[in-house]
Protein backbone atom coordinates (compact mmCIF):
# COMPACT_ATOMS: atom_id res chain seq x y z
CA MET A 1 -3.17 6.46 20.68
CA GLU A 2 -3.57 6.36 24.38
CA ILE A 3 -3.89 3.37 26.91
CA LEU A 4 -5.66 4.73 29.72
CA THR A 5 -5.57 1.69 32.12
CA ILE A 6 -4.44 -1.96 32.00
CA GLY A 7 -6.79 -4.50 33.52
CA ASN A 8 -6.46 -8.11 34.51
CA VAL A 9 -5.90 -9.39 31.02
CA PRO A 10 -2.39 -8.66 29.45
CA ILE A 11 -2.31 -6.70 26.17
CA GLU A 12 -0.73 -8.85 23.36
CA GLU A 13 -0.58 -6.13 20.75
CA PHE A 14 -1.81 -2.67 19.84
CA GLU A 15 -1.59 -1.32 16.55
CA ILE A 16 -3.39 0.92 13.87
CA VAL A 17 -5.55 -0.54 11.21
CA TYR A 18 -6.56 1.23 7.99
CA SER A 19 -8.31 0.92 4.78
CA PHE A 20 -7.52 3.06 1.63
CA ARG A 21 -8.29 3.58 -1.97
CA LYS A 22 -5.98 4.74 -4.75
CA ASP A 23 -8.53 6.91 -6.45
CA ARG A 24 -12.21 7.84 -6.03
CA LEU A 25 -13.33 5.68 -9.01
CA THR A 26 -12.58 2.61 -6.81
CA LYS A 27 -15.37 1.02 -4.97
CA PRO A 28 -16.19 2.40 -1.48
CA ILE A 29 -13.61 1.49 1.16
CA ASN A 30 -14.29 0.20 4.58
CA SER A 31 -14.89 3.37 6.95
CA ASN A 32 -14.45 1.34 10.08
CA PRO A 33 -11.26 -0.87 9.31
CA THR A 34 -10.82 -3.93 11.25
CA ILE A 35 -7.89 -6.28 11.86
CA LEU A 36 -8.74 -7.78 8.52
CA ASP A 37 -7.69 -4.59 6.67
CA SER A 38 -3.96 -3.30 6.65
CA LYS A 39 -2.12 -2.73 9.74
CA ILE A 40 0.73 -0.41 11.02
CA ILE A 41 2.62 -2.29 13.70
CA SER A 42 3.58 -0.47 17.11
CA ASN A 43 6.84 -1.32 18.71
CA GLU A 44 6.08 0.64 21.65
CA PRO A 45 5.75 -0.98 25.04
CA LYS A 46 2.49 -2.14 26.05
CA SER A 47 1.90 0.26 28.91
CA VAL A 48 -0.38 3.02 30.30
CA GLY A 49 0.22 6.46 28.47
CA GLU A 50 0.29 7.85 24.95
CA HIS A 51 1.90 6.18 22.21
CA LEU A 52 2.94 7.50 18.80
CA VAL A 53 2.68 5.48 15.67
CA VAL A 54 3.71 7.13 12.45
CA GLN A 55 2.81 6.14 8.73
CA ASP A 56 3.57 8.28 5.73
CA PHE A 57 0.44 8.08 3.72
CA GLN A 58 1.17 11.24 1.66
CA SER A 59 3.97 9.30 -0.43
CA SER A 60 1.38 6.61 -1.09
CA ASN A 61 -0.93 8.89 -3.02
CA TYR A 62 -4.03 7.51 -1.41
CA ALA A 63 -7.30 9.18 -2.32
CA ASP A 64 -9.00 8.35 0.97
CA VAL A 65 -7.58 6.70 4.17
CA TYR A 66 -9.68 5.72 7.20
CA SER A 67 -7.84 4.38 10.32
CA ARG A 68 -8.45 3.59 13.99
CA ALA A 69 -6.43 2.18 16.79
CA TYR A 70 -7.09 -1.26 18.37
CA LEU A 71 -5.77 -3.58 20.93
CA LYS A 72 -5.67 -7.21 21.44
CA HIS A 73 -5.85 -8.96 24.72
CA SER A 74 -3.92 -12.30 25.29
CA ASN A 75 -7.49 -13.92 25.65
CA GLY A 76 -8.07 -12.80 22.00
CA ALA A 77 -10.41 -9.93 22.77
CA ILE A 78 -10.10 -7.13 20.40
CA VAL A 79 -11.05 -3.48 21.55
CA TYR A 80 -11.14 -0.64 19.00
């Protein structure tokens, strides 16, 4: 993920959220995951630039995985 600029409100956290299903017989998953879905926590510094977050989904044998980055400001605002 990439943080382009940091404004006046500090970044509290940035992570990857994802949703998945083990097989295609399971009900449809959320194709736009939110913070209510599963998270991959980033330990990267909250600074401008590109940040790498790695998760091994292949060993989990998921049929489908949807993911997206988000950040949460210290005022509670969430940006995907």
